[in-house]
Amino acid sequence: MHSSRCYVCAAELSGFIYACGGFDGTNRHNSVERYSPGRNQWQMVADMTSIRSDAGACGVDGKLYVAGGFSGTECLNTAECFDPPNNQWTLLTPMTCQRSGVTVVAFKHAVYAIGGFNGSVRLDEVEKYYPDRGAWFPVKEMQKGRSNFAAAVIEDRIFVVGGYDGSGTTGHVEYYESEKDEWTEADNLRVGRSAASACTVKGLENIQEFTFYGKEARLMAHSGSLDWQIHYEQHSHAGLASNPKSCSPPEAINPKPLLGHVNRSSKAIGYF
């Protein structure tokens, strides 16, 4: 990248990976750059309106949304939207809560801001922003307040994984179903983790080869290694992974066992 970035938020939009804000060890940034896999090249785009690290980002309907974060002096409730064709950021209606270490997820054409830290406590509050209505709306709160956690959408559910709950790193996992406006506890991680990331990989033709424990498959990682071992029923294959962040918050832990949630019908697996 053009700038060193710790506590950066990142999101995919229209085939590009955007890296927004962050902390270089001295200063926090409002600069933004995007990566083109086809060109293997980073390109600077317009700066955000606000300096922020520890924010959340997602892409919804062709636009990039960034919410919350830390300015260096306070936790933020501001949110903004980037329009790639115009290379322009626009401030949005502020969130109802200040949220640093927030996780932002795109779900059903809305921007979900989940959890975070308001300067005093870790939050269980959740809110969603509808771009066509220009407003934030309350969502059922999580069972556990947390910041710096991972999230991914699988089977029309938002899974939140791990994080920091104010007293320590947690392995707690729960998922949200919008039809019920309800959070349900899922199988916890074997080892708690903070400052984690999650993704969903679709189109796995060999999905039936995964070992299932109920509705979940377990994956193991060798700590300190770049080789991830995916355990199948009768054999295993090695793949490559890379550390998504160059530095981590103080409460972060070393890589340990992972949990993947598998959907047989859609041939998708989420990695936490």
Protein backbone atom coordinates (compact mmCIF):
# COMPACT_ATOMS: atom_id res chain seq x y z
CA MET A 1 0.00 0.00 0.00
CA HIS A 2 1.00 3.64 -0.28
CA SER A 3 0.63 4.15 3.50
CA SER A 4 1.31 1.99 6.54
CA ARG A 5 -2.04 1.22 8.15
CA CYS A 6 -2.80 -0.44 11.47
CA TYR A 7 -6.40 -0.59 12.77
CA VAL A 8 -7.50 -0.04 9.17
CA CYS A 9 -10.97 -0.97 7.91
CA ALA A 10 -11.30 -2.72 4.57
CA ALA A 11 -14.08 -3.82 2.25
CA GLU A 12 -14.61 -5.22 -1.24
CA LEU A 13 -16.60 -3.21 -3.77
CA SER A 14 -17.00 -3.85 -7.50
CA GLY A 15 -13.88 -6.01 -7.69
CA PHE A 16 -11.65 -3.62 -5.71
CA ILE A 17 -10.42 -3.94 -2.13
CA TYR A 18 -10.62 -0.61 -0.30
CA ALA A 19 -8.40 0.24 2.71
CA CYS A 20 -9.75 3.21 4.67
CA GLY A 21 -8.05 5.28 7.35
CA GLY A 22 -6.00 3.57 10.04
CA PHE A 23 -2.99 4.39 12.19
CA ASP A 24 0.64 4.43 11.02
CA GLY A 25 2.19 4.34 14.49
CA THR A 26 2.25 8.13 14.76
CA ASN A 27 -0.83 9.58 13.06
CA ARG A 28 -4.34 8.51 12.20
CA HIS A 29 -5.45 8.89 8.60
CA ASN A 30 -8.41 9.85 6.48
CA SER A 31 -6.65 8.65 3.33
CA VAL A 32 -8.10 5.80 1.28
CA GLU A 33 -6.62 3.50 -1.33
CA ARG A 34 -7.94 0.59 -3.32
CA TYR A 35 -6.36 -2.56 -4.69
CA SER A 36 -7.02 -3.94 -8.16
CA PRO A 37 -6.35 -7.71 -8.26
CA GLY A 38 -6.24 -7.63 -12.06
CA ARG A 39 -3.50 -5.02 -12.12
CA ASN A 40 -1.90 -6.06 -8.82
CA GLN A 41 -1.76 -2.37 -7.98
CA TRP A 42 -2.88 0.05 -5.27
CA GLN A 43 -4.40 3.39 -6.24
CA MET A 44 -5.18 6.39 -4.02
CA VAL A 45 -8.75 7.69 -4.08
CA ALA A 46 -10.38 10.70 -2.40
CA ASP A 47 -9.79 11.18 1.33
CA MET A 48 -12.61 10.57 3.79
CA THR A 49 -14.13 13.63 5.44
CA SER A 50 -12.98 12.41 8.87
CA ILE A 51 -9.73 11.02 10.26
CA ARG A 52 -10.46 7.60 11.74
CA SER A 53 -8.92 4.31 12.77
CA ASP A 54 -10.79 1.30 14.23
CA ALA A 55 -13.80 1.94 11.97
CA GLY A 56 -15.93 -0.52 10.00
CA ALA A 57 -16.59 -0.63 6.26
CA CYS A 58 -18.78 -2.45 3.75
CA GLY A 59 -20.05 -2.10 0.20
CA VAL A 60 -23.77 -1.79 -0.56
CA ASP A 61 -25.31 -1.34 -4.00
CA GLY A 62 -22.23 0.11 -5.64
CA LYS A 63 -21.17 2.45 -2.84
CA LEU A 64 -18.69 2.13 0.04
CA TYR A 65 -19.82 2.89 3.58
CA VAL A 66 -17.54 3.64 6.55
CA ALA A 67 -18.86 4.13 10.08
CA GLY A 68 -17.50 4.80 13.55
CA GLY A 69 -13.89 4.53 14.61
CA PHE A 70 -11.48 6.54 16.75
CA SER A 71 -10.22 10.03 15.87
CA GLY A 72 -7.27 9.98 18.24
CA THR A 73 -9.21 11.85 20.91
CA GLU A 74 -12.72 10.38 20.85
CA CYS A 75 -14.85 7.50 19.63
CA LEU A 76 -16.92 8.47 16.60
CA ASN A 77 -20.58 8.19 15.67
CA THR A 78 -20.07 9.64 12.20
CA ALA A 79 -20.59 7.72 8.97
CA GLU A 80 -19.83 8.51 5.35
CA CYS A 81 -20.33 7.10 1.89
CA PHE A 82 -17.97 6.91 -1.11
CA ASP A 83 -19.26 7.09 -4.67
CA PRO A 84 -16.55 5.60 -6.95
CA PRO A 85 -17.69 7.16 -10.28
CA ASN A 86 -17.52 10.64 -8.74
CA ASN A 87 -14.55 9.87 -6.45
CA GLN A 88 -16.41 11.66 -3.67
CA TRP A 89 -17.27 11.09 0.00
CA THR A 90 -20.54 12.29 1.53
CA LEU A 91 -21.33 12.54 5.23
CA LEU A 92 -24.38 10.56 6.35
CA THR A 93 -26.74 10.87 9.27
CA PRO A 94 -24.70 10.06 12.42
CA MET A 95 -25.25 6.79 14.24
CA THR A 96 -27.06 6.83 17.56
CA CYS A 97 -23.94 5.50 19.35
CA GLN A 98 -20.25 6.31 19.29
CA ARG A 99 -18.54 3.15 18.10
CA SER A 100 -14.82 2.40 17.98
CA GLY A 101 -13.83 -1.17 17.17
CA VAL A 102 -17.19 -1.51 15.43
CA THR A 103 -17.94 -4.16 12.84
CA VAL A 104 -19.93 -3.04 9.79
CA VAL A 105 -21.72 -5.57 7.58
CA ALA A 106 -23.76 -5.32 4.39
CA PHE A 107 -26.99 -7.30 4.77
CA LYS A 108 -30.14 -7.14 2.64
CA HIS A 109 -29.33 -3.74 1.09
CA ALA A 110 -28.64 -2.17 4.49
CA VAL A 111 -25.53 -1.21 6.45
CA TYR A 112 -25.39 -2.88 9.87
CA ALA A 113 -23.22 -1.29 12.58
CA ILE A 114 -22.69 -3.88 15.30
CA GLY A 115 -21.18 -3.48 18.75
CA GLY A 116 -18.03 -1.49 19.39
CA PHE A 117 -16.68 0.68 22.21
CA ASN A 118 -18.18 4.06 23.13
CA GLY A 119 -15.33 5.20 25.37
CA SER A 120 -16.84 3.64 28.49
CA VAL A 121 -18.28 0.19 27.76
CA ARG A 122 -18.36 -2.46 25.05
CA LEU A 123 -21.68 -2.25 23.26
CA ASP A 124 -24.32 -4.85 22.52
CA GLU A 125 -26.36 -2.26 20.57
CA VAL A 126 -26.92 -2.74 16.84
CA GLU A 127 -28.33 -0.35 14.26
CA LYS A 128 -28.85 -0.44 10.51
CA TYR A 129 -28.76 2.26 7.83
CA TYR A 130 -30.99 2.18 4.76
CA PRO A 131 -29.38 4.23 1.97
CA ASP A 132 -32.72 4.89 0.28
CA ARG A 133 -34.18 6.27 3.52
CA GLY A 134 -31.09 8.09 4.76
CA ALA A 135 -31.60 7.06 8.38
CA TRP A 136 -30.43 4.62 11.05
CA PHE A 137 -32.89 2.22 12.66
CA PRO A 138 -32.52 0.13 15.85
CA VAL A 139 -31.91 -3.61 15.65
CA LYS A 140 -32.24 -6.17 18.43
CA GLU A 141 -29.16 -6.00 20.67
CA MET A 142 -26.62 -8.83 20.77
CA GLN A 143 -26.51 -11.23 23.69
CA LYS A 144 -22.98 -10.07 24.50
CA GLY A 145 -21.39 -6.63 24.24
CA ARG A 146 -18.11 -6.66 22.34
CA SER A 147 -15.70 -4.73 20.15
CA ASN A 148 -12.96 -5.76 17.70
CA PHE A 149 -14.76 -8.91 16.56
CA ALA A 150 -15.29 -10.68 13.25
CA ALA A 151 -18.56 -10.98 11.33
CA ALA A 152 -19.78 -12.66 8.16
CA VAL A 153 -23.10 -13.35 6.45
CA ILE A 154 -23.96 -17.02 5.91
CA GLU A 155 -27.37 -18.55 5.10
CA ASP A 156 -29.10 -15.16 5.48
CA ARG A 157 -27.70 -14.81 8.97
CA ILE A 158 -25.13 -12.42 10.39
CA PHE A 159 -22.57 -14.33 12.46
CA VAL A 160 -20.49 -12.40 15.01
CA VAL A 161 -17.40 -14.14 16.30
CA GLY A 162 -15.10 -13.48 19.24
CA GLY A 163 -13.92 -9.99 20.13
CA TYR A 164 -13.13 -8.16 23.35
CA ASP A 165 -15.92 -7.89 25.95
CA GLY A 166 -14.32 -5.40 28.34
CA SER A 167 -12.78 -7.97 30.66
CA GLY A 168 -10.95 -10.17 28.17
CA THR A 169 -10.86 -11.80 24.78
CA THR A 170 -13.95 -13.91 24.13
CA GLY A 171 -14.75 -16.90 21.94
CA HIS A 172 -18.49 -16.27 22.07
CA VAL A 173 -20.38 -16.73 18.78
CA GLU A 174 -23.94 -15.72 17.96
CA TYR A 175 -25.99 -15.06 14.84
CA TYR A 176 -28.77 -12.69 13.82
CA GLU A 177 -31.90 -13.54 11.83
CA SER A 178 -33.67 -10.47 10.47
CA GLU A 179 -37.03 -12.23 10.03
CA LYS A 180 -37.17 -12.84 13.78
CA ASP A 181 -35.11 -9.77 14.77
CA GLU A 182 -33.36 -12.17 17.11
CA TRP A 183 -29.85 -13.21 18.11
CA THR A 184 -29.14 -16.88 18.82
CA GLU A 185 -26.06 -18.32 20.50
CA ALA A 186 -23.94 -20.66 18.36
CA ASP A 187 -21.06 -22.99 19.16
CA ASN A 188 -18.24 -20.95 20.67
CA LEU A 189 -14.71 -20.81 19.34
CA ARG A 190 -12.33 -23.25 20.99
CA VAL A 191 -10.00 -20.32 21.66
CA GLY A 192 -11.13 -16.72 22.11
CA ARG A 193 -9.79 -14.18 19.64
CA SER A 194 -9.92 -10.42 19.23
CA ALA A 195 -9.05 -8.23 16.22
CA ALA A 196 -10.12 -11.17 14.06
CA SER A 197 -11.50 -11.20 10.52
CA ALA A 198 -14.07 -13.38 8.78
CA CYS A 199 -15.06 -14.13 5.20
CA THR A 200 -17.43 -16.35 3.26
CA VAL A 201 -16.17 -18.46 0.36
CA LYS A 202 -18.87 -19.55 -2.11
CA GLY A 203 -18.93 -22.13 -4.87
CA LEU A 204 -16.93 -24.91 -3.22
CA GLU A 205 -17.59 -27.96 -5.40
CA ASN A 206 -16.08 -30.33 -2.81
CA ILE A 207 -18.20 -29.03 0.06
CA GLN A 208 -19.50 -32.55 0.78
CA GLU A 209 -15.99 -33.65 1.76
CA PHE A 210 -15.92 -31.50 4.89
CA THR A 211 -16.29 -33.18 8.25
CA PHE A 212 -19.50 -32.01 9.91
CA TYR A 213 -20.30 -31.56 13.59
CA GLY A 214 -24.00 -30.73 13.43
CA LYS A 215 -24.04 -27.78 11.02
CA GLU A 216 -20.39 -26.85 11.45
CA ALA A 217 -17.02 -27.92 10.14
CA ARG A 218 -13.86 -27.34 12.10
CA LEU A 219 -10.65 -26.07 10.62
CA MET A 220 -7.23 -26.04 12.25
CA ALA A 221 -4.40 -23.57 11.81
CA HIS A 222 -0.77 -24.01 12.75
CA SER A 223 0.17 -21.07 14.94
CA GLY A 224 2.87 -18.93 13.39
CA SER A 225 2.60 -20.66 10.02
CA LEU A 226 1.10 -19.58 6.72
CA ASP A 227 -0.20 -23.09 6.03
CA TRP A 228 -3.83 -23.70 6.96
CA GLN A 229 -4.90 -27.34 7.27
CA ILE A 230 -8.52 -28.04 6.30
CA HIS A 231 -9.57 -31.38 7.76
CA TYR A 232 -11.82 -33.57 5.63
CA GLU A 233 -13.49 -36.87 6.50
CA GLN A 234 -10.82 -39.06 4.90
CA HIS A 235 -8.03 -36.72 3.84
CA SER A 236 -6.75 -33.15 4.14
CA HIS A 237 -5.50 -30.46 1.81
CA ALA A 238 -3.18 -27.55 2.56
CA GLY A 239 -3.88 -24.04 1.41
CA LEU A 240 -2.33 -20.65 1.91
CA ALA A 241 -3.52 -17.77 4.03
CA SER A 242 -1.94 -14.49 5.02
CA ASN A 243 -2.20 -12.34 8.12
CA PRO A 244 -4.82 -9.70 7.28
CA LYS A 245 -3.38 -7.08 9.60
CA SER A 246 0.16 -5.92 10.24
CA CYS A 247 -0.52 -5.03 13.86
CA SER A 248 -3.23 -5.82 16.37
CA PRO A 249 -4.85 -4.22 19.44
CA PRO A 250 -3.34 -5.14 22.83
CA GLU A 251 -6.05 -7.69 23.52
CA ALA A 252 -5.40 -9.64 20.29
CA ILE A 253 -4.19 -13.24 20.51
CA ASN A 254 -2.11 -15.55 18.36
CA PRO A 255 -3.79 -17.68 15.68
CA LYS A 256 -5.23 -20.91 17.07
CA PRO A 257 -8.01 -23.31 16.02
CA LEU A 258 -10.67 -21.84 13.75
CA LEU A 259 -14.33 -22.63 13.26
CA GLY A 260 -16.07 -22.66 9.88
CA HIS A 261 -19.81 -22.69 9.38
CA VAL A 262 -20.81 -24.73 6.33
CA ASN A 263 -23.95 -24.56 4.25
CA ARG A 264 -24.34 -27.71 2.12
CA SER A 265 -26.98 -26.32 -0.22
CA SER A 266 -25.23 -23.08 -1.19
CA LYS A 267 -21.74 -24.59 -1.21
CA ALA A 268 -20.40 -21.83 0.99
CA ILE A 269 -18.16 -21.85 4.02
CA GLY A 270 -17.44 -18.98 6.35
CA TYR A 271 -13.96 -18.66 7.82
CA PHE A 272 -13.57 -17.13 11.27
